[in-house]
C-alpha cells in the first residue's frame, strides 16, 4: 500500500500554520512569508522554480524530500485559491502560474466541484466533494502505486489525521508568534501515541519534527 505523506508544513510557536485574512495578494494572510523564510532560502525551493543557488544543509535536505515517490496530491480549496462559496472566477488557476510545481494529479477538496483543469508540466487539478477516505481512494488510483501527498492547508491535514490516514508527517516549528490564524493541532490530542517522533533543530533556527508510523 502506498504511503500518505505531509511535508514542509510550517507552524508558528503558538500553533498556527497560516495567518488570518487570506486574500489574492496574501496567500498566508497576515503571516506573509514569515512561516516560509526557512524554505525560501533553500536550494530545493529555487530548483522547483527553475532558479539556481540557494542554501544547502539540513533544511534543504528535508525540504527536497517533498517530491520523490509522490504520484498524486490532495489539497484543501484554500490552498488552491482565496475564493469562497460557489466559483465566480473560473479563470483562476491557482497561485503557481501556468506550470505548477506538482506535476501530478492534484485533488482539490471543495463543496463546489468544477471541471478539471489541466496545466502545463503534468499537473491536473480535479475539484471534488469527498470525504478523506474517498479522496484518498481516488488519489491512490491516480498515483499508480506511488505515495499520496497531503498538501495542506492545516484544516485538511487535521481531517486526515482525525481519520488516521497519514503515515508520515513533517512539521517545521518556526520561532515566530502569529497570535491568530488557523491552528494545526486543535483536536489532535494523543497524536504522539500513533507515531515514532524525531526532531532536529537547524542553524536557521527552525525545528523539524518527523512523525512516522512505527
C-alpha atoms as a PDB file:
ATOM      1  CA  UNK A   1       0.000   0.000   0.000  1.00  0.00           C
ATOM      2  CA  UNK A   2       1.297   3.448  -0.877  1.00  0.00           C
ATOM      3  CA  UNK A   3       2.003   5.860   1.958  1.00  0.00           C
ATOM      4  CA  UNK A   4       0.254   9.142   2.751  1.00  0.00           C
ATOM      5  CA  UNK A   5       2.747  11.935   3.401  1.00  0.00           C
ATOM      6  CA  UNK A   6       2.816  15.541   4.612  1.00  0.00           C
ATOM      7  CA  UNK A   7       5.962  17.617   4.017  1.00  0.00           C
ATOM      8  CA  UNK A   8       7.275  21.070   4.924  1.00  0.00           C
ATOM      9  CA  UNK A   9       4.215  22.132   6.937  1.00  0.00           C
ATOM     10  CA  UNK A  10       5.395  25.228   8.804  1.00  0.00           C
ATOM     11  CA  UNK A  11       3.814  26.067  12.161  1.00  0.00           C
ATOM     12  CA  UNK A  12       4.394  29.021  14.487  1.00  0.00           C
ATOM     13  CA  UNK A  13       5.330  28.654  18.148  1.00  0.00           C
ATOM     14  CA  UNK A  14       1.691  29.237  19.071  1.00  0.00           C
ATOM     15  CA  UNK A  15       0.452  26.537  16.686  1.00  0.00           C
ATOM     16  CA  UNK A  16      -0.734  28.472  13.631  1.00  0.00           C
ATOM     17  CA  UNK A  17       0.005  27.062  10.175  1.00  0.00           C
ATOM     18  CA  UNK A  18      -1.381  30.083   8.330  1.00  0.00           C
ATOM     19  CA  UNK A  19      -2.346  33.608   9.231  1.00  0.00           C
ATOM     20  CA  UNK A  20      -5.678  35.386   9.304  1.00  0.00           C
ATOM     21  CA  UNK A  21      -7.094  37.267   6.326  1.00  0.00           C
ATOM     22  CA  UNK A  22      -6.142  35.247   3.250  1.00  0.00           C
ATOM     23  CA  UNK A  23      -6.572  37.213   0.021  1.00  0.00           C
ATOM     24  CA  UNK A  24      -5.373  37.206  -3.570  1.00  0.00           C
ATOM     25  CA  UNK A  25      -2.314  39.230  -2.554  1.00  0.00           C
ATOM     26  CA  UNK A  26      -1.760  37.427   0.763  1.00  0.00           C
ATOM     27  CA  UNK A  27      -1.987  33.623   0.396  1.00  0.00           C
ATOM     28  CA  UNK A  28      -0.971  33.165   4.059  1.00  0.00           C
ATOM     29  CA  UNK A  29      -2.918  36.128   5.419  1.00  0.00           C
ATOM     30  CA  UNK A  30      -1.184  38.389   7.915  1.00  0.00           C
ATOM     31  CA  UNK A  31       1.607  35.801   8.324  1.00  0.00           C
ATOM     32  CA  UNK A  32       3.045  36.841   4.967  1.00  0.00           C
ATOM     33  CA  UNK A  33       6.125  34.755   4.206  1.00  0.00           C
ATOM     34  CA  UNK A  34       7.302  34.541   7.820  1.00  0.00           C
ATOM     35  CA  UNK A  35       6.400  30.853   8.131  1.00  0.00           C
ATOM     36  CA  UNK A  36       8.274  30.056   4.913  1.00  0.00           C
ATOM     37  CA  UNK A  37      11.502  32.023   5.169  1.00  0.00           C
ATOM     38  CA  UNK A  38      13.493  28.880   6.063  1.00  0.00           C
ATOM     39  CA  UNK A  39      12.165  27.156   2.916  1.00  0.00           C
ATOM     40  CA  UNK A  40      12.593  30.114   0.564  1.00  0.00           C
ATOM     41  CA  UNK A  41      16.330  30.124   1.330  1.00  0.00           C
ATOM     42  CA  UNK A  42      16.884  26.502   0.278  1.00  0.00           C
ATOM     43  CA  UNK A  43      18.305  25.236  -2.992  1.00  0.00           C
ATOM     44  CA  UNK A  44      15.331  22.845  -3.183  1.00  0.00           C
ATOM     45  CA  UNK A  45      12.884  25.758  -3.385  1.00  0.00           C
ATOM     46  CA  UNK A  46      14.900  27.534  -6.049  1.00  0.00           C
ATOM     47  CA  UNK A  47      15.235  24.374  -8.153  1.00  0.00           C
ATOM     48  CA  UNK A  48      11.466  23.805  -8.131  1.00  0.00           C
ATOM     49  CA  UNK A  49      11.068  27.297  -9.597  1.00  0.00           C
ATOM     50  CA  UNK A  50      13.804  26.834 -12.201  1.00  0.00           C
ATOM     51  CA  UNK A  51      16.327  29.030 -10.410  1.00  0.00           C
ATOM     52  CA  UNK A  52      19.922  28.420  -9.333  1.00  0.00           C
ATOM     53  CA  UNK A  53      21.614  28.999  -5.986  1.00  0.00           C
ATOM     54  CA  UNK A  54      20.077  28.616  -2.564  1.00  0.00           C
ATOM     55  CA  UNK A  55      21.323  27.168   0.701  1.00  0.00           C
ATOM     56  CA  UNK A  56      22.195  23.527   1.262  1.00  0.00           C
ATOM     57  CA  UNK A  57      22.308  21.667   4.571  1.00  0.00           C
ATOM     58  CA  UNK A  58      19.666  20.044   6.757  1.00  0.00           C
ATOM     59  CA  UNK A  59      16.836  22.446   5.865  1.00  0.00           C
ATOM     60  CA  UNK A  60      17.468  21.811   2.185  1.00  0.00           C
ATOM     61  CA  UNK A  61      17.744  18.043   2.578  1.00  0.00           C
ATOM     62  CA  UNK A  62      14.424  17.809   4.409  1.00  0.00           C
ATOM     63  CA  UNK A  63      12.703  20.277   2.080  1.00  0.00           C
ATOM     64  CA  UNK A  64      13.575  18.286  -1.041  1.00  0.00           C
ATOM     65  CA  UNK A  65      12.038  15.061   0.381  1.00  0.00           C
ATOM     66  CA  UNK A  66       8.722  16.647  -0.700  1.00  0.00           C
ATOM     67  CA  UNK A  67       8.881  15.322  -4.248  1.00  0.00           C
ATOM     68  CA  UNK A  68      10.381  11.836  -4.683  1.00  0.00           C
ATOM     69  CA  UNK A  69       7.912   8.965  -4.799  1.00  0.00           C
ATOM     70  CA  UNK A  70       4.774  11.126  -4.987  1.00  0.00           C
ATOM     71  CA  UNK A  71       2.126  10.181  -7.549  1.00  0.00           C
ATOM     72  CA  UNK A  72      -0.751  12.478  -6.536  1.00  0.00           C
ATOM     73  CA  UNK A  73      -1.596  15.275  -4.105  1.00  0.00           C
ATOM     74  CA  UNK A  74      -4.692  16.175  -2.110  1.00  0.00           C
ATOM     75  CA  UNK A  75      -5.132  19.791  -1.035  1.00  0.00           C
ATOM     76  CA  UNK A  76      -7.825  21.925   0.511  1.00  0.00           C
ATOM     77  CA  UNK A  77      -9.569  24.576  -1.516  1.00  0.00           C
ATOM     78  CA  UNK A  78      -7.926  27.412   0.417  1.00  0.00           C
ATOM     79  CA  UNK A  79      -4.509  26.199  -0.709  1.00  0.00           C
ATOM     80  CA  UNK A  80      -5.675  26.417  -4.324  1.00  0.00           C
ATOM     81  CA  UNK A  81      -7.012  29.949  -4.017  1.00  0.00           C
ATOM     82  CA  UNK A  82      -8.750  32.629  -1.923  1.00  0.00           C
ATOM     83  CA  UNK A  83     -12.300  32.218  -3.301  1.00  0.00           C
ATOM     84  CA  UNK A  84     -15.089  31.028  -1.025  1.00  0.00           C
ATOM     85  CA  UNK A  85     -18.503  29.600  -1.883  1.00  0.00           C
ATOM     86  CA  UNK A  86     -19.597  28.902  -5.479  1.00  0.00           C
ATOM     87  CA  UNK A  87     -16.863  29.538  -8.036  1.00  0.00           C
ATOM     88  CA  UNK A  88     -17.268  33.001  -9.512  1.00  0.00           C
ATOM     89  CA  UNK A  89     -13.995  33.097 -11.424  1.00  0.00           C
ATOM     90  CA  UNK A  90     -13.079  30.009 -13.445  1.00  0.00           C
ATOM     91  CA  UNK A  91     -10.144  31.944 -14.895  1.00  0.00           C
ATOM     92  CA  UNK A  92      -8.290  31.493 -11.591  1.00  0.00           C
ATOM     93  CA  UNK A  93      -5.841  28.583 -11.946  1.00  0.00           C
ATOM     94  CA  UNK A  94      -4.009  28.732  -8.629  1.00  0.00           C
ATOM     95  CA  UNK A  95      -1.094  30.637  -7.135  1.00  0.00           C
ATOM     96  CA  UNK A  96       1.573  28.897  -9.227  1.00  0.00           C
ATOM     97  CA  UNK A  97       1.212  30.220 -12.771  1.00  0.00           C
ATOM     98  CA  UNK A  98       0.859  28.196 -15.954  1.00  0.00           C
ATOM     99  CA  UNK A  99       3.189  25.403 -14.816  1.00  0.00           C
ATOM    100  CA  UNK A 100       2.553  24.441 -11.162  1.00  0.00           C
ATOM    101  CA  UNK A 101       5.336  22.526  -9.379  1.00  0.00           C
ATOM    102  CA  UNK A 102       3.248  19.431  -8.551  1.00  0.00           C
ATOM    103  CA  UNK A 103       3.492  17.615 -11.920  1.00  0.00           C
ATOM    104  CA  UNK A 104       0.946  15.009 -10.793  1.00  0.00           C
ATOM    105  CA  UNK A 105      -2.828  14.806 -10.467  1.00  0.00           C
ATOM    106  CA  UNK A 106      -3.966  17.128  -7.657  1.00  0.00           C
ATOM    107  CA  UNK A 107      -7.329  16.610  -5.955  1.00  0.00           C
ATOM    108  CA  UNK A 108      -8.743  19.862  -4.553  1.00  0.00           C
ATOM    109  CA  UNK A 109     -11.324  19.327  -1.810  1.00  0.00           C
ATOM    110  CA  UNK A 110     -14.306  21.638  -2.224  1.00  0.00           C
ATOM    111  CA  UNK A 111     -18.060  21.629  -1.665  1.00  0.00           C
ATOM    112  CA  UNK A 112     -18.383  23.217  -5.116  1.00  0.00           C
ATOM    113  CA  UNK A 113     -16.922  20.849  -7.747  1.00  0.00           C
ATOM    114  CA  UNK A 114     -15.962  22.259 -11.145  1.00  0.00           C
ATOM    115  CA  UNK A 115     -14.413  20.789 -14.320  1.00  0.00           C
ATOM    116  CA  UNK A 116     -10.857  19.504 -14.075  1.00  0.00           C
ATOM    117  CA  UNK A 117      -8.093  21.897 -15.023  1.00  0.00           C
ATOM    118  CA  UNK A 118      -5.109  20.601 -16.999  1.00  0.00           C
ATOM    119  CA  UNK A 119      -1.965  22.695 -16.634  1.00  0.00           C
ATOM    120  CA  UNK A 120       1.459  22.678 -18.239  1.00  0.00           C
ATOM    121  CA  UNK A 121       4.125  20.346 -16.860  1.00  0.00           C
ATOM    122  CA  UNK A 122       1.856  17.434 -15.926  1.00  0.00           C
ATOM    123  CA  UNK A 123      -0.340  18.949 -13.207  1.00  0.00           C
ATOM    124  CA  UNK A 124      -4.091  18.404 -13.486  1.00  0.00           C
ATOM    125  CA  UNK A 125      -6.384  19.825 -10.799  1.00  0.00           C
ATOM    126  CA  UNK A 126      -9.516  17.774 -10.034  1.00  0.00           C
ATOM    127  CA  UNK A 127     -12.141  19.520  -7.877  1.00  0.00           C
ATOM    128  CA  UNK A 128     -14.029  17.008  -5.741  1.00  0.00           C
ATOM    129  CA  UNK A 129     -16.508  16.983  -2.879  1.00  0.00           C
ATOM    130  CA  UNK A 130     -15.338  13.925  -0.955  1.00  0.00           C
ATOM    131  CA  UNK A 131     -14.537  12.587   2.496  1.00  0.00           C
ATOM    132  CA  UNK A 132     -10.866  11.977   3.358  1.00  0.00           C
ATOM    133  CA  UNK A 133     -11.290   8.242   2.710  1.00  0.00           C
ATOM    134  CA  UNK A 134     -12.934   8.770  -0.688  1.00  0.00           C
ATOM    135  CA  UNK A 135     -10.441  11.450  -1.715  1.00  0.00           C
ATOM    136  CA  UNK A 136      -7.568   9.147  -0.779  1.00  0.00           C
ATOM    137  CA  UNK A 137      -9.099   6.274  -2.746  1.00  0.00           C
ATOM    138  CA  UNK A 138      -9.289   8.433  -5.850  1.00  0.00           C
ATOM    139  CA  UNK A 139      -5.812   9.853  -5.349  1.00  0.00           C
ATOM    140  CA  UNK A 140      -4.324   6.393  -4.923  1.00  0.00           C
ATOM    141  CA  UNK A 141      -5.955   5.252  -8.149  1.00  0.00           C
ATOM    142  CA  UNK A 142      -4.383   8.200  -9.935  1.00  0.00           C
ATOM    143  CA  UNK A 143      -0.986   7.759  -8.227  1.00  0.00           C
ATOM    144  CA  UNK A 144      -0.294   4.399  -9.851  1.00  0.00           C
ATOM    145  CA  UNK A 145       1.224   2.784  -6.772  1.00  0.00           C
ATOM    146  CA  UNK A 146       3.245   5.831  -5.698  1.00  0.00           C
ATOM    147  CA  UNK A 147       2.666   7.782  -2.480  1.00  0.00           C
ATOM    148  CA  UNK A 148       0.000  10.443  -1.969  1.00  0.00           C
ATOM    149  CA  UNK A 149       0.923  13.821  -0.511  1.00  0.00           C
ATOM    150  CA  UNK A 150      -1.492  15.833   1.637  1.00  0.00           C
ATOM    151  CA  UNK A 151      -0.523  19.350   0.656  1.00  0.00           C
ATOM    152  CA  UNK A 152      -2.473  21.355   3.237  1.00  0.00           C
ATOM    153  CA  UNK A 153      -3.715  23.655   4.495  1.00  0.00           C
ATOM    154  CA  UNK A 154      -3.936  22.905   8.201  1.00  0.00           C
ATOM    155  CA  UNK A 155      -7.657  22.036   8.262  1.00  0.00           C
ATOM    156  CA  UNK A 156      -7.135  19.430   5.533  1.00  0.00           C
ATOM    157  CA  UNK A 157      -4.183  17.917   7.387  1.00  0.00           C
ATOM    158  CA  UNK A 158      -6.267  17.814  10.591  1.00  0.00           C
ATOM    159  CA  UNK A 159      -9.073  15.971   8.768  1.00  0.00           C
ATOM    160  CA  UNK A 160      -6.698  13.304   7.524  1.00  0.00           C
ATOM    161  CA  UNK A 161      -5.064  12.986  10.941  1.00  0.00           C
ATOM    162  CA  UNK A 162      -8.501  12.607  12.551  1.00  0.00           C
ATOM    163  CA  UNK A 163      -9.278   9.831  10.052  1.00  0.00           C
ATOM    164  CA  UNK A 164      -5.914   8.183  10.916  1.00  0.00           C
ATOM    165  CA  UNK A 165      -4.843   8.218   7.270  1.00  0.00           C
ATOM    166  CA  UNK A 166      -1.405   9.865   7.499  1.00  0.00           C
ATOM    167  CA  UNK A 167       1.758   7.752   7.601  1.00  0.00           C
ATOM    168  CA  UNK A 168       4.436  10.464   7.509  1.00  0.00           C
ATOM    169  CA  UNK A 169       4.059  13.990   8.913  1.00  0.00           C
ATOM    170  CA  UNK A 170       6.871  16.547   8.586  1.00  0.00           C
ATOM    171  CA  UNK A 171       6.175  19.698  10.619  1.00  0.00           C
ATOM    172  CA  UNK A 172       8.566  22.635  10.829  1.00  0.00           C
ATOM    173  CA  UNK A 173       8.328  24.706  14.019  1.00  0.00           C
ATOM    174  CA  UNK A 174       9.214  28.301  13.136  1.00  0.00           C
ATOM    175  CA  UNK A 175      10.239  30.631  16.019  1.00  0.00           C
ATOM    176  CA  UNK A 176       7.588  33.285  15.452  1.00  0.00           C
ATOM    177  CA  UNK A 177       4.298  34.067  17.215  1.00  0.00           C
ATOM    178  CA  UNK A 178       1.348  34.793  14.924  1.00  0.00           C
ATOM    179  CA  UNK A 179      -1.380  35.253  17.521  1.00  0.00           C
ATOM    180  CA  UNK A 180      -4.214  34.452  15.103  1.00  0.00           C
ATOM    181  CA  UNK A 181      -4.959  32.401  12.032  1.00  0.00           C
ATOM    182  CA  UNK A 182      -5.662  28.710  11.559  1.00  0.00           C
ATOM    183  CA  UNK A 183      -4.188  26.279  14.048  1.00  0.00           C
ATOM    184  CA  UNK A 184      -2.825  22.851  13.209  1.00  0.00           C
ATOM    185  CA  UNK A 185      -3.026  20.907  16.458  1.00  0.00           C
ATOM    186  CA  UNK A 186      -6.595  21.520  17.647  1.00  0.00           C
ATOM    187  CA  UNK A 187      -8.312  18.173  18.240  1.00  0.00           C
ATOM    188  CA  UNK A 188      -5.068  16.191  17.857  1.00  0.00           C
ATOM    189  CA  UNK A 189      -4.679  15.144  21.498  1.00  0.00           C
ATOM    190  CA  UNK A 190      -2.694  11.900  21.799  1.00  0.00           C
ATOM    191  CA  UNK A 191      -1.229  12.223  18.307  1.00  0.00           C
ATOM    192  CA  UNK A 192       2.208  11.190  19.550  1.00  0.00           C
ATOM    193  CA  UNK A 193       0.886   7.762  20.554  1.00  0.00           C
ATOM    194  CA  UNK A 194       0.358   6.821  16.891  1.00  0.00           C
ATOM    195  CA  UNK A 195       3.787   7.791  15.592  1.00  0.00           C
ATOM    196  CA  UNK A 196       7.504   7.482  16.130  1.00  0.00           C
ATOM    197  CA  UNK A 197       8.823  11.028  16.556  1.00  0.00           C
ATOM    198  CA  UNK A 198      12.200  12.507  15.643  1.00  0.00           C
ATOM    199  CA  UNK A 199      13.321  16.131  15.656  1.00  0.00           C
ATOM    200  CA  UNK A 200      16.286  18.270  14.682  1.00  0.00           C
ATOM    201  CA  UNK A 201      16.911  21.989  15.129  1.00  0.00           C
ATOM    202  CA  UNK A 202      18.929  23.593  12.366  1.00  0.00           C
ATOM    203  CA  UNK A 203      21.257  26.631  12.296  1.00  0.00           C
ATOM    204  CA  UNK A 204      18.458  28.578  10.626  1.00  0.00           C
ATOM    205  CA  UNK A 205      16.526  28.380  13.904  1.00  0.00           C
ATOM    206  CA  UNK A 206      13.663  26.075  12.908  1.00  0.00           C
ATOM    207  CA  UNK A 207      12.906  22.657  14.362  1.00  0.00           C
ATOM    208  CA  UNK A 208      11.915  19.855  12.012  1.00  0.00           C
ATOM    209  CA  UNK A 209       9.650  17.249  13.594  1.00  0.00           C
ATOM    210  CA  UNK A 210       9.034  13.979  11.772  1.00  0.00           C
ATOM    211  CA  UNK A 211       6.074  11.832  12.821  1.00  0.00           C
ATOM    212  CA  UNK A 212       6.187   8.417  11.132  1.00  0.00           C
ATOM    213  CA  UNK A 213       4.352   5.138  11.563  1.00  0.00           C
ATOM    214  CA  UNK A 214       6.332   2.654  13.704  1.00  0.00           C
END
